[in-house]
């Protein structure tokens, strides 16, 4: 029969092997973001394990939910001067120039190339 190891003995043995483990207190939420979804873990237990100079985060327990990612839409304003410049260079309308600038996130050269 195998005897149970108390936490102190386990910690000493881990330190002899070059491992160090600490817990993170009062964690409310862990969010794992992927391009297609966000995984939200409420009230988890988080431990940091340091092995050979690398940190490993261990997340256990908690309520797990998945949601679609909340990505901020670009909110930048295209100036009239930029739109006029692109329209003059390409021979397109100002509306088309504004749309191209929005698609290229304000990059004038990309917008001109896109419209040509």
PDB file of N, CA and C in Angstrom:
ATOM      1  N   UNK A   1       0.841  -1.170   0.000  1.00  0.00           N
ATOM      2  CA  UNK A   1       0.000   0.000   0.000  1.00  0.00           C
ATOM      3  C   UNK A   1       0.892   1.242   0.000  1.00  0.00           C
ATOM      4  N   UNK A   2       0.522   2.196  -0.808  1.00  0.00           N
ATOM      5  CA  UNK A   2       1.318   3.410  -0.946  1.00  0.00           C
ATOM      6  C   UNK A   2       0.889   4.433   0.096  1.00  0.00           C
ATOM      7  N   UNK A   3       1.856   5.025   0.782  1.00  0.00           N
ATOM      8  CA  UNK A   3       1.495   6.005   1.797  1.00  0.00           C
ATOM      9  C   UNK A   3       1.270   7.366   1.145  1.00  0.00           C
ATOM     10  N   UNK A   4       0.446   8.155   1.754  1.00  0.00           N
ATOM     11  CA  UNK A   4       0.142   9.488   1.240  1.00  0.00           C
ATOM     12  C   UNK A   4       1.279  10.435   1.619  1.00  0.00           C
ATOM     13  N   UNK A   5       1.585  11.357   0.726  1.00  0.00           N
ATOM     14  CA  UNK A   5       2.646  12.315   0.967  1.00  0.00           C
ATOM     15  C   UNK A   5       2.010  13.622   1.433  1.00  0.00           C
ATOM     16  N   UNK A   6       2.523  14.150   2.518  1.00  0.00           N
ATOM     17  CA  UNK A   6       1.952  15.410   2.987  1.00  0.00           C
ATOM     18  C   UNK A   6       2.457  16.560   2.113  1.00  0.00           C
ATOM     19  N   UNK A   7       1.758  17.688   2.091  1.00  0.00           N
ATOM     20  CA  UNK A   7       2.125  18.797   1.206  1.00  0.00           C
ATOM     21  C   UNK A   7       3.537  19.336   1.435  1.00  0.00           C
ATOM     22  N   UNK A   8       3.995  19.324   2.678  1.00  0.00           N
ATOM     23  CA  UNK A   8       5.343  19.811   2.955  1.00  0.00           C
ATOM     24  C   UNK A   8       6.398  18.939   2.288  1.00  0.00           C
ATOM     25  N   UNK A   9       6.225  17.609   2.405  1.00  0.00           N
ATOM     26  CA  UNK A   9       7.171  16.692   1.769  1.00  0.00           C
ATOM     27  C   UNK A   9       7.143  16.842   0.257  1.00  0.00           C
ATOM     28  N   UNK A  10       5.945  17.014  -0.297  1.00  0.00           N
ATOM     29  CA  UNK A  10       5.818  17.183  -1.746  1.00  0.00           C
ATOM     30  C   UNK A  10       6.532  18.452  -2.201  1.00  0.00           C
ATOM     31  N   UNK A  11       6.384  19.527  -1.444  1.00  0.00           N
ATOM     32  CA  UNK A  11       7.036  20.788  -1.805  1.00  0.00           C
ATOM     33  C   UNK A  11       8.554  20.653  -1.751  1.00  0.00           C
ATOM     34  N   UNK A  12       9.076  19.995  -0.711  1.00  0.00           N
ATOM     35  CA  UNK A  12      10.531  19.789  -0.605  1.00  0.00           C
ATOM     36  C   UNK A  12      11.058  18.958  -1.778  1.00  0.00           C
ATOM     37  N   UNK A  13      10.338  17.896  -2.119  1.00  0.00           N
ATOM     38  CA  UNK A  13      10.773  17.040  -3.210  1.00  0.00           C
ATOM     39  C   UNK A  13      10.769  17.816  -4.536  1.00  0.00           C
ATOM     40  N   UNK A  14       9.760  18.653  -4.750  1.00  0.00           N
ATOM     41  CA  UNK A  14       9.700  19.451  -5.966  1.00  0.00           C
ATOM     42  C   UNK A  14      10.871  20.434  -6.020  1.00  0.00           C
ATOM     43  N   UNK A  15      11.234  21.036  -4.883  1.00  0.00           N
ATOM     44  CA  UNK A  15      12.352  21.974  -4.863  1.00  0.00           C
ATOM     45  C   UNK A  15      13.668  21.264  -5.167  1.00  0.00           C
ATOM     46  N   UNK A  16      13.826  20.033  -4.683  1.00  0.00           N
ATOM     47  CA  UNK A  16      15.044  19.272  -4.985  1.00  0.00           C
ATOM     48  C   UNK A  16      15.149  18.972  -6.467  1.00  0.00           C
ATOM     49  N   UNK A  17      14.013  18.822  -7.139  1.00  0.00           N
ATOM     50  CA  UNK A  17      13.998  18.533  -8.576  1.00  0.00           C
ATOM     51  C   UNK A  17      14.050  19.825  -9.402  1.00  0.00           C
ATOM     52  N   UNK A  18      14.159  20.980  -8.760  1.00  0.00           N
ATOM     53  CA  UNK A  18      14.247  22.250  -9.480  1.00  0.00           C
ATOM     54  C   UNK A  18      12.900  22.838  -9.842  1.00  0.00           C
ATOM     55  N   UNK A  19      11.869  22.423  -9.152  1.00  0.00           N
ATOM     56  CA  UNK A  19      10.525  22.911  -9.422  1.00  0.00           C
ATOM     57  C   UNK A  19      10.072  23.786  -8.260  1.00  0.00           C
ATOM     58  N   UNK A  20       9.323  24.828  -8.574  1.00  0.00           N
ATOM     59  CA  UNK A  20       8.791  25.706  -7.545  1.00  0.00           C
ATOM     60  C   UNK A  20       7.342  26.004  -7.895  1.00  0.00           C
ATOM     61  N   UNK A  21       6.454  25.885  -6.921  1.00  0.00           N
ATOM     62  CA  UNK A  21       5.032  26.079  -7.192  1.00  0.00           C
ATOM     63  C   UNK A  21       4.453  27.088  -6.220  1.00  0.00           C
ATOM     64  N   UNK A  22       3.777  28.101  -6.752  1.00  0.00           N
ATOM     65  CA  UNK A  22       3.101  29.111  -5.951  1.00  0.00           C
ATOM     66  C   UNK A  22       1.665  29.225  -6.445  1.00  0.00           C
ATOM     67  N   UNK A  23       0.773  29.612  -5.549  1.00  0.00           N
ATOM     68  CA  UNK A  23      -0.603  29.825  -5.976  1.00  0.00           C
ATOM     69  C   UNK A  23      -0.859  31.317  -6.111  1.00  0.00           C
ATOM     70  N   UNK A  24      -1.815  31.665  -6.958  1.00  0.00           N
ATOM     71  CA  UNK A  24      -2.212  33.053  -7.153  1.00  0.00           C
ATOM     72  C   UNK A  24      -3.515  33.240  -6.387  1.00  0.00           C
ATOM     73  N   UNK A  25      -3.527  34.188  -5.482  1.00  0.00           N
ATOM     74  CA  UNK A  25      -4.687  34.390  -4.615  1.00  0.00           C
ATOM     75  C   UNK A  25      -5.719  35.315  -5.262  1.00  0.00           C
ATOM     76  N   UNK A  26      -6.958  35.138  -4.876  1.00  0.00           N
ATOM     77  CA  UNK A  26      -8.079  36.008  -5.237  1.00  0.00           C
ATOM     78  C   UNK A  26      -8.279  36.179  -6.739  1.00  0.00           C
ATOM     79  N   UNK A  27      -8.147  35.099  -7.500  1.00  0.00           N
ATOM     80  CA  UNK A  27      -8.378  35.170  -8.941  1.00  0.00           C
ATOM     81  C   UNK A  27      -9.888  35.154  -9.178  1.00  0.00           C
ATOM     82  N   UNK A  28     -10.375  36.125  -9.920  1.00  0.00           N
ATOM     83  CA  UNK A  28     -11.799  36.225 -10.195  1.00  0.00           C
ATOM     84  C   UNK A  28     -12.173  35.585 -11.521  1.00  0.00           C
ATOM     85  N   UNK A  29     -11.290  35.728 -12.536  1.00  0.00           N
ATOM     86  CA  UNK A  29     -11.659  35.277 -13.868  1.00  0.00           C
ATOM     87  C   UNK A  29     -10.412  35.044 -14.699  1.00  0.00           C
ATOM     88  N   UNK A  30     -10.443  34.003 -15.535  1.00  0.00           N
ATOM     89  CA  UNK A  30      -9.387  33.748 -16.511  1.00  0.00           C
ATOM     90  C   UNK A  30     -10.068  33.698 -17.870  1.00  0.00           C
ATOM     91  N   UNK A  31      -9.513  34.438 -18.847  1.00  0.00           N
ATOM     92  CA  UNK A  31     -10.083  34.455 -20.191  1.00  0.00           C
ATOM     93  C   UNK A  31      -9.027  33.957 -21.166  1.00  0.00           C
ATOM     94  N   UNK A  32      -9.390  32.939 -21.947  1.00  0.00           N
ATOM     95  CA  UNK A  32      -8.528  32.415 -22.992  1.00  0.00           C
ATOM     96  C   UNK A  32      -9.144  32.855 -24.308  1.00  0.00           C
ATOM     97  N   UNK A  33      -8.402  33.673 -25.082  1.00  0.00           N
ATOM     98  CA  UNK A  33      -8.933  34.232 -26.323  1.00  0.00           C
ATOM     99  C   UNK A  33      -8.363  33.489 -27.518  1.00  0.00           C
ATOM    100  N   UNK A  34      -9.251  33.057 -28.411  1.00  0.00           N
ATOM    101  CA  UNK A  34      -8.860  32.472 -29.679  1.00  0.00           C
ATOM    102  C   UNK A  34      -9.527  33.305 -30.777  1.00  0.00           C
ATOM    103  N   UNK A  35      -9.141  33.111 -32.028  1.00  0.00           N
ATOM    104  CA  UNK A  35      -9.785  33.898 -33.084  1.00  0.00           C
ATOM    105  C   UNK A  35     -11.291  33.644 -33.211  1.00  0.00           C
ATOM    106  N   UNK A  36     -11.760  32.464 -32.809  1.00  0.00           N
ATOM    107  CA  UNK A  36     -13.168  32.133 -33.003  1.00  0.00           C
ATOM    108  C   UNK A  36     -14.019  32.203 -31.745  1.00  0.00           C
ATOM    109  N   UNK A  37     -13.388  32.143 -30.556  1.00  0.00           N
ATOM    110  CA  UNK A  37     -14.181  32.164 -29.324  1.00  0.00           C
ATOM    111  C   UNK A  37     -13.333  32.617 -28.146  1.00  0.00           C
ATOM    112  N   UNK A  38     -14.008  33.021 -27.085  1.00  0.00           N
ATOM    113  CA  UNK A  38     -13.373  33.342 -25.812  1.00  0.00           C
ATOM    114  C   UNK A  38     -13.844  32.314 -24.792  1.00  0.00           C
ATOM    115  N   UNK A  39     -12.917  31.708 -24.061  1.00  0.00           N
ATOM    116  CA  UNK A  39     -13.258  30.747 -23.015  1.00  0.00           C
ATOM    117  C   UNK A  39     -13.082  31.482 -21.687  1.00  0.00           C
ATOM    118  N   UNK A  40     -14.159  31.592 -20.923  1.00  0.00           N
ATOM    119  CA  UNK A  40     -14.149  32.334 -19.670  1.00  0.00           C
ATOM    120  C   UNK A  40     -14.275  31.353 -18.515  1.00  0.00           C
ATOM    121  N   UNK A  41     -13.345  31.429 -17.561  1.00  0.00           N
ATOM    122  CA  UNK A  41     -13.357  30.561 -16.381  1.00  0.00           C
ATOM    123  C   UNK A  41     -13.541  31.462 -15.165  1.00  0.00           C
ATOM    124  N   UNK A  42     -14.679  31.317 -14.494  1.00  0.00           N
ATOM    125  CA  UNK A  42     -14.997  32.140 -13.324  1.00  0.00           C
ATOM    126  C   UNK A  42     -14.529  31.442 -12.049  1.00  0.00           C
ATOM    127  N   UNK A  43     -13.947  32.183 -11.137  1.00  0.00           N
ATOM    128  CA  UNK A  43     -13.503  31.711  -9.827  1.00  0.00           C
ATOM    129  C   UNK A  43     -12.603  30.465  -9.904  1.00  0.00           C
ATOM    130  N   UNK A  44     -11.541  30.491 -10.726  1.00  0.00           N
ATOM    131  CA  UNK A  44     -10.659  29.325 -10.807  1.00  0.00           C
ATOM    132  C   UNK A  44      -9.580  29.359  -9.727  1.00  0.00           C
ATOM    133  N   UNK A  45      -8.922  28.232  -9.572  1.00  0.00           N
ATOM    134  CA  UNK A  45      -7.725  28.159  -8.743  1.00  0.00           C
ATOM    135  C   UNK A  45      -6.549  28.188  -9.711  1.00  0.00           C
ATOM    136  N   UNK A  46      -5.621  29.131  -9.512  1.00  0.00           N
ATOM    137  CA  UNK A  46      -4.502  29.291 -10.427  1.00  0.00           C
ATOM    138  C   UNK A  46      -3.202  29.060  -9.665  1.00  0.00           C
ATOM    139  N   UNK A  47      -2.341  28.228 -10.246  1.00  0.00           N
ATOM    140  CA  UNK A  47      -1.029  27.952  -9.665  1.00  0.00           C
ATOM    141  C   UNK A  47       0.034  28.239 -10.715  1.00  0.00           C
ATOM    142  N   UNK A  48       1.177  28.740 -10.255  1.00  0.00           N
ATOM    143  CA  UNK A  48       2.310  28.985 -11.147  1.00  0.00           C
ATOM    144  C   UNK A  48       3.389  27.985 -10.790  1.00  0.00           C
ATOM    145  N   UNK A  49       3.778  27.190 -11.760  1.00  0.00           N
ATOM    146  CA  UNK A  49       4.811  26.174 -11.581  1.00  0.00           C
ATOM    147  C   UNK A  49       6.035  26.618 -12.366  1.00  0.00           C
ATOM    148  N   UNK A  50       7.165  26.779 -11.696  1.00  0.00           N
ATOM    149  CA  UNK A  50       8.400  27.173 -12.366  1.00  0.00           C
ATOM    150  C   UNK A  50       9.301  25.955 -12.474  1.00  0.00           C
ATOM    151  N   UNK A  51       9.595  25.572 -13.712  1.00  0.00           N
ATOM    152  CA  UNK A  51      10.431  24.407 -13.980  1.00  0.00           C
ATOM    153  C   UNK A  51      11.499  24.819 -14.981  1.00  0.00           C
ATOM    154  N   UNK A  52      12.746  24.700 -14.604  1.00  0.00           N
ATOM    155  CA  UNK A  52      13.892  24.988 -15.464  1.00  0.00           C
ATOM    156  C   UNK A  52      13.761  26.345 -16.152  1.00  0.00           C
ATOM    157  N   UNK A  53      13.381  27.358 -15.393  1.00  0.00           N
ATOM    158  CA  UNK A  53      13.304  28.715 -15.918  1.00  0.00           C
ATOM    159  C   UNK A  53      12.040  29.053 -16.686  1.00  0.00           C
ATOM    160  N   UNK A  54      11.143  28.093 -16.855  1.00  0.00           N
ATOM    161  CA  UNK A  54       9.897  28.362 -17.558  1.00  0.00           C
ATOM    162  C   UNK A  54       8.752  28.411 -16.569  1.00  0.00           C
ATOM    163  N   UNK A  55       7.777  29.267 -16.846  1.00  0.00           N
ATOM    164  CA  UNK A  55       6.592  29.375 -15.993  1.00  0.00           C
ATOM    165  C   UNK A  55       5.428  28.644 -16.644  1.00  0.00           C
ATOM    166  N   UNK A  56       4.781  27.819 -15.859  1.00  0.00           N
ATOM    167  CA  UNK A  56       3.603  27.089 -16.319  1.00  0.00           C
ATOM    168  C   UNK A  56       2.440  27.530 -15.443  1.00  0.00           C
ATOM    169  N   UNK A  57       1.379  28.010 -16.071  1.00  0.00           N
ATOM    170  CA  UNK A  57       0.198  28.434 -15.330  1.00  0.00           C
ATOM    171  C   UNK A  57      -0.825  27.304 -15.377  1.00  0.00           C
ATOM    172  N   UNK A  58      -1.253  26.871 -14.213  1.00  0.00           N
ATOM    173  CA  UNK A  58      -2.230  25.797 -14.110  1.00  0.00           C
ATOM    174  C   UNK A  58      -3.546  26.395 -13.623  1.00  0.00           C
ATOM    175  N   UNK A  59      -4.598  26.216 -14.405  1.00  0.00           N
ATOM    176  CA  UNK A  59      -5.915  26.745 -14.071  1.00  0.00           C
ATOM    177  C   UNK A  59      -6.821  25.560 -13.804  1.00  0.00           C
ATOM    178  N   UNK A  60      -7.447  25.530 -12.624  1.00  0.00           N
ATOM    179  CA  UNK A  60      -8.284  24.399 -12.255  1.00  0.00           C
ATOM    180  C   UNK A  60      -9.615  24.891 -11.709  1.00  0.00           C
ATOM    181  N   UNK A  61     -10.641  24.104 -11.964  1.00  0.00           N
ATOM    182  CA  UNK A  61     -11.952  24.379 -11.390  1.00  0.00           C
ATOM    183  C   UNK A  61     -12.625  25.586 -12.003  1.00  0.00           C
ATOM    184  N   UNK A  62     -13.659  26.029 -11.336  1.00  0.00           N
ATOM    185  CA  UNK A  62     -14.372  27.209 -11.796  1.00  0.00           C
ATOM    186  C   UNK A  62     -15.482  26.876 -12.778  1.00  0.00           C
ATOM    187  N   UNK A  63     -16.271  27.872 -13.061  1.00  0.00           N
ATOM    188  CA  UNK A  63     -17.374  27.776 -14.011  1.00  0.00           C
ATOM    189  C   UNK A  63     -16.852  28.132 -15.391  1.00  0.00           C
ATOM    190  N   UNK A  64     -16.974  27.245 -16.365  1.00  0.00           N
ATOM    191  CA  UNK A  64     -16.440  27.490 -17.704  1.00  0.00           C
ATOM    192  C   UNK A  64     -17.583  27.828 -18.653  1.00  0.00           C
ATOM    193  N   UNK A  65     -17.432  28.951 -19.372  1.00  0.00           N
ATOM    194  CA  UNK A  65     -18.392  29.340 -20.411  1.00  0.00           C
ATOM    195  C   UNK A  65     -17.617  29.757 -21.653  1.00  0.00           C
ATOM    196  N   UNK A  66     -18.278  29.621 -22.797  1.00  0.00           N
ATOM    197  CA  UNK A  66     -17.679  30.063 -24.058  1.00  0.00           C
ATOM    198  C   UNK A  66     -18.555  31.154 -24.638  1.00  0.00           C
ATOM    199  N   UNK A  67     -17.906  32.141 -25.264  1.00  0.00           N
ATOM    200  CA  UNK A  67     -18.662  33.219 -25.895  1.00  0.00           C
ATOM    201  C   UNK A  67     -17.932  33.655 -27.152  1.00  0.00           C
ATOM    202  N   UNK A  68     -18.654  34.336 -28.015  1.00  0.00           N
ATOM    203  CA  UNK A  68     -18.016  34.841 -29.225  1.00  0.00           C
ATOM    204  C   UNK A  68     -17.100  35.994 -28.832  1.00  0.00           C
ATOM    205  N   UNK A  69     -15.998  36.143 -29.539  1.00  0.00           N
ATOM    206  CA  UNK A  69     -15.021  37.165 -29.137  1.00  0.00           C
ATOM    207  C   UNK A  69     -15.566  38.568 -29.310  1.00  0.00           C
ATOM    208  N   UNK A  70     -15.177  39.435 -28.375  1.00  0.00           N
ATOM    209  CA  UNK A  70     -15.551  40.840 -28.442  1.00  0.00           C
ATOM    210  C   UNK A  70     -14.366  41.599 -29.002  1.00  0.00           C
ATOM    211  N   UNK A  71     -14.412  41.877 -30.254  1.00  0.00           N
ATOM    212  CA  UNK A  71     -13.327  42.605 -30.895  1.00  0.00           C
ATOM    213  C   UNK A  71     -13.812  44.015 -31.198  1.00  0.00           C
ATOM    214  N   UNK A  72     -12.995  44.967 -30.877  1.00  0.00           N
ATOM    215  CA  UNK A  72     -13.350  46.364 -31.130  1.00  0.00           C
ATOM    216  C   UNK A  72     -13.270  46.647 -32.620  1.00  0.00           C
ATOM    217  N   UNK A  73     -14.320  47.248 -33.134  1.00  0.00           N
ATOM    218  CA  UNK A  73     -14.300  47.634 -34.536  1.00  0.00           C
ATOM    219  C   UNK A  73     -13.449  48.889 -34.684  1.00  0.00           C
ATOM    220  N   UNK A  74     -12.724  48.962 -35.780  1.00  0.00           N
ATOM    221  CA  UNK A  74     -11.863  50.130 -35.937  1.00  0.00           C
ATOM    222  C   UNK A  74     -12.704  51.400 -36.007  1.00  0.00           C
ATOM    223  N   UNK A  75     -12.381  52.344 -35.188  1.00  0.00           N
ATOM    224  CA  UNK A  75     -13.135  53.595 -35.158  1.00  0.00           C
ATOM    225  C   UNK A  75     -12.194  54.733 -35.511  1.00  0.00           C
ATOM    226  N   UNK A  76     -11.827  54.757 -36.775  1.00  0.00           N
ATOM    227  CA  UNK A  76     -11.012  55.886 -37.126  1.00  0.00           C
ATOM    228  C   UNK A  76     -11.675  56.670 -38.218  1.00  0.00           C
ATOM    229  N   UNK A  77     -11.411  57.937 -38.179  1.00  0.00           N
ATOM    230  CA  UNK A  77     -12.064  58.899 -39.050  1.00  0.00           C
ATOM    231  C   UNK A  77     -11.152  59.187 -40.237  1.00  0.00           C
ATOM    232  N   UNK A  78     -11.707  59.091 -41.435  1.00  0.00           N
ATOM    233  CA  UNK A  78     -10.966  59.411 -42.644  1.00  0.00           C
ATOM    234  C   UNK A  78     -11.107  60.903 -42.889  1.00  0.00           C
ATOM    235  N   UNK A  79      -9.981  61.591 -43.015  1.00  0.00           N
ATOM    236  CA  UNK A  79     -10.051  63.038 -43.227  1.00  0.00           C
ATOM    237  C   UNK A  79     -10.422  63.342 -44.674  1.00  0.00           C
ATOM    238  N   UNK A  80     -11.033  64.499 -44.860  1.00  0.00           N
ATOM    239  CA  UNK A  80     -11.437  64.934 -46.199  1.00  0.00           C
ATOM    240  C   UNK A  80     -10.223  65.132 -47.102  1.00  0.00           C
ATOM    241  N   UNK A  81      -9.123  65.630 -46.512  1.00  0.00           N
ATOM    242  CA  UNK A  81      -7.916  65.870 -47.315  1.00  0.00           C
ATOM    243  C   UNK A  81      -7.354  64.556 -47.851  1.00  0.00           C
ATOM    244  N   UNK A  82      -7.325  63.526 -47.006  1.00  0.00           N
ATOM    245  CA  UNK A  82      -6.825  62.227 -47.441  1.00  0.00           C
ATOM    246  C   UNK A  82      -7.714  61.641 -48.530  1.00  0.00           C
ATOM    247  N   UNK A  83      -9.025  61.735 -48.337  1.00  0.00           N
ATOM    248  CA  UNK A  83      -9.959  61.211 -49.331  1.00  0.00           C
ATOM    249  C   UNK A  83      -9.811  61.961 -50.654  1.00  0.00           C
ATOM    250  N   UNK A  84      -9.646  63.271 -50.588  1.00  0.00           N
ATOM    251  CA  UNK A  84      -9.478  64.082 -51.792  1.00  0.00           C
ATOM    252  C   UNK A  84      -8.196  63.712 -52.524  1.00  0.00           C
ATOM    253  N   UNK A  85      -7.105  63.500 -51.770  1.00  0.00           N
ATOM    254  CA  UNK A  85      -5.827  63.115 -52.364  1.00  0.00           C
ATOM    255  C   UNK A  85      -5.946  61.781 -53.092  1.00  0.00           C
ATOM    256  N   UNK A  86      -6.555  60.791 -52.438  1.00  0.00           N
ATOM    257  CA  UNK A  86      -6.714  59.465 -53.055  1.00  0.00           C
ATOM    258  C   UNK A  86      -7.613  59.569 -54.286  1.00  0.00           C
ATOM    259  N   UNK A  87      -8.690  60.343 -54.200  1.00  0.00           N
ATOM    260  CA  UNK A  87      -9.599  60.510 -55.336  1.00  0.00           C
ATOM    261  C   UNK A  87      -8.877  61.163 -56.509  1.00  0.00           C
ATOM    262  N   UNK A  88      -8.064  62.194 -56.254  1.00  0.00           N
ATOM    263  CA  UNK A  88      -7.318  62.870 -57.326  1.00  0.00           C
ATOM    264  C   UNK A  88      -6.298  61.946 -57.969  1.00  0.00           C
ATOM    265  N   UNK A  89      -5.625  61.127 -57.164  1.00  0.00           N
ATOM    266  CA  UNK A  89      -4.588  60.235 -57.689  1.00  0.00           C
ATOM    267  C   UNK A  89      -5.172  59.087 -58.515  1.00  0.00           C
ATOM    268  N   UNK A  90      -6.379  58.654 -58.171  1.00  0.00           N
ATOM    269  CA  UNK A  90      -6.950  57.478 -58.841  1.00  0.00           C
ATOM    270  C   UNK A  90      -8.032  57.809 -59.848  1.00  0.00           C
ATOM    271  N   UNK A  91      -8.564  59.010 -59.790  1.00  0.00           N
ATOM    272  CA  UNK A  91      -9.654  59.368 -60.699  1.00  0.00           C
ATOM    273  C   UNK A  91     -10.991  58.804 -60.250  1.00  0.00           C
ATOM    274  N   UNK A  92     -11.092  58.343 -59.036  1.00  0.00           N
ATOM    275  CA  UNK A  92     -12.329  57.793 -58.482  1.00  0.00           C
ATOM    276  C   UNK A  92     -13.061  58.868 -57.685  1.00  0.00           C
ATOM    277  N   UNK A  93     -14.273  58.535 -57.247  1.00  0.00           N
ATOM    278  CA  UNK A  93     -15.051  59.492 -56.465  1.00  0.00           C
ATOM    279  C   UNK A  93     -14.523  59.551 -55.033  1.00  0.00           C
ATOM    280  N   UNK A  94     -14.925  60.607 -54.326  1.00  0.00           N
ATOM    281  CA  UNK A  94     -14.494  60.768 -52.937  1.00  0.00           C
ATOM    282  C   UNK A  94     -15.071  59.656 -52.059  1.00  0.00           C
ATOM    283  N   UNK A  95     -16.301  59.228 -52.343  1.00  0.00           N
ATOM    284  CA  UNK A  95     -16.921  58.145 -51.573  1.00  0.00           C
ATOM    285  C   UNK A  95     -16.124  56.854 -51.726  1.00  0.00           C
ATOM    286  N   UNK A  96     -15.698  56.553 -52.972  1.00  0.00           N
ATOM    287  CA  UNK A  96     -14.888  55.352 -53.195  1.00  0.00           C
ATOM    288  C   UNK A  96     -13.532  55.479 -52.496  1.00  0.00           C
ATOM    289  N   UNK A  97     -12.970  56.684 -52.517  1.00  0.00           N
ATOM    290  CA  UNK A  97     -11.691  56.916 -51.862  1.00  0.00           C
ATOM    291  C   UNK A  97     -11.812  56.723 -50.353  1.00  0.00           C
ATOM    292  N   UNK A  98     -12.903  57.224 -49.747  1.00  0.00           N
ATOM    293  CA  UNK A  98     -13.116  57.047 -48.302  1.00  0.00           C
ATOM    294  C   UNK A  98     -13.245  55.572 -47.950  1.00  0.00           C
ATOM    295  N   UNK A  99     -14.004  54.840 -48.765  1.00  0.00           N
ATOM    296  CA  UNK A  99     -14.190  53.408 -48.499  1.00  0.00           C
ATOM    297  C   UNK A  99     -12.847  52.671 -48.587  1.00  0.00           C
ATOM    298  N   UNK A 100     -12.033  53.009 -49.579  1.00  0.00           N
ATOM    299  CA  UNK A 100     -10.726  52.372 -49.724  1.00  0.00           C
ATOM    300  C   UNK A 100      -9.821  52.713 -48.543  1.00  0.00           C
ATOM    301  N   UNK A 101      -9.872  53.953 -48.067  1.00  0.00           N
ATOM    302  CA  UNK A 101      -9.066  54.344 -46.912  1.00  0.00           C
ATOM    303  C   UNK A 101      -9.497  53.600 -45.653  1.00  0.00           C
ATOM    304  N   UNK A 102     -10.799  53.388 -45.491  1.00  0.00           N
ATOM    305  CA  UNK A 102     -11.279  52.627 -44.331  1.00  0.00           C
ATOM    306  C   UNK A 102     -10.807  51.187 -44.400  1.00  0.00           C
ATOM    307  N   UNK A 103     -10.857  50.587 -45.593  1.00  0.00           N
ATOM    308  CA  UNK A 103     -10.407  49.205 -45.757  1.00  0.00           C
ATOM    309  C   UNK A 103      -8.907  49.075 -45.486  1.00  0.00           C
ATOM    310  N   UNK A 104      -8.142  50.118 -45.866  1.00  0.00           N
ATOM    311  CA  UNK A 104      -6.685  50.091 -45.695  1.00  0.00           C
ATOM    312  C   UNK A 104      -6.249  50.737 -44.388  1.00  0.00           C
ATOM    313  N   UNK A 105      -7.210  51.020 -43.503  1.00  0.00           N
ATOM    314  CA  UNK A 105      -6.942  51.602 -42.193  1.00  0.00           C
ATOM    315  C   UNK A 105      -6.141  52.892 -42.279  1.00  0.00           C
ATOM    316  N   UNK A 106      -6.466  53.718 -43.263  1.00  0.00           N
ATOM    317  CA  UNK A 106      -5.858  55.034 -43.377  1.00  0.00           C
ATOM    318  C   UNK A 106      -4.556  55.084 -44.138  1.00  0.00           C
ATOM    319  N   UNK A 107      -4.071  53.965 -44.640  1.00  0.00           N
ATOM    320  CA  UNK A 107      -2.813  53.945 -45.389  1.00  0.00           C
ATOM    321  C   UNK A 107      -3.073  54.477 -46.801  1.00  0.00           C
ATOM    322  N   UNK A 108      -2.536  55.663 -47.107  1.00  0.00           N
ATOM    323  CA  UNK A 108      -2.800  56.319 -48.386  1.00  0.00           C
ATOM    324  C   UNK A 108      -2.280  55.497 -49.572  1.00  0.00           C
ATOM    325  N   UNK A 109      -1.066  55.004 -49.467  1.00  0.00           N
ATOM    326  CA  UNK A 109      -0.474  54.255 -50.579  1.00  0.00           C
ATOM    327  C   UNK A 109      -1.263  52.987 -50.881  1.00  0.00           C
ATOM    328  N   UNK A 110      -1.674  52.275 -49.844  1.00  0.00           N
ATOM    329  CA  UNK A 110      -2.468  51.051 -50.040  1.00  0.00           C
ATOM    330  C   UNK A 110      -3.808  51.369 -50.681  1.00  0.00           C
ATOM    331  N   UNK A 111      -4.425  52.470 -50.234  1.00  0.00           N
ATOM    332  CA  UNK A 111      -5.728  52.852 -50.771  1.00  0.00           C
ATOM    333  C   UNK A 111      -5.617  53.204 -52.246  1.00  0.00           C
ATOM    334  N   UNK A 112      -4.572  53.926 -52.617  1.00  0.00           N
ATOM    335  CA  UNK A 112      -4.378  54.284 -54.031  1.00  0.00           C
ATOM    336  C   UNK A 112      -4.158  53.030 -54.867  1.00  0.00           C
ATOM    337  N   UNK A 113      -3.314  52.115 -54.380  1.00  0.00           N
ATOM    338  CA  UNK A 113      -3.065  50.860 -55.114  1.00  0.00           C
ATOM    339  C   UNK A 113      -4.323  50.013 -55.219  1.00  0.00           C
ATOM    340  N   UNK A 114      -5.148  50.036 -54.173  1.00  0.00           N
ATOM    341  CA  UNK A 114      -6.376  49.254 -54.179  1.00  0.00           C
ATOM    342  C   UNK A 114      -7.345  49.747 -55.243  1.00  0.00           C
ATOM    343  N   UNK A 115      -7.396  51.048 -55.436  1.00  0.00           N
ATOM    344  CA  UNK A 115      -8.340  51.620 -56.395  1.00  0.00           C
ATOM    345  C   UNK A 115      -7.826  51.599 -57.824  1.00  0.00           C
ATOM    346  N   UNK A 116      -6.552  51.384 -58.028  1.00  0.00           N
ATOM    347  CA  UNK A 116      -6.027  51.380 -59.405  1.00  0.00           C
ATOM    348  C   UNK A 116      -6.114  50.022 -60.040  1.00  0.00           C
TER     349      UNK A 116
END
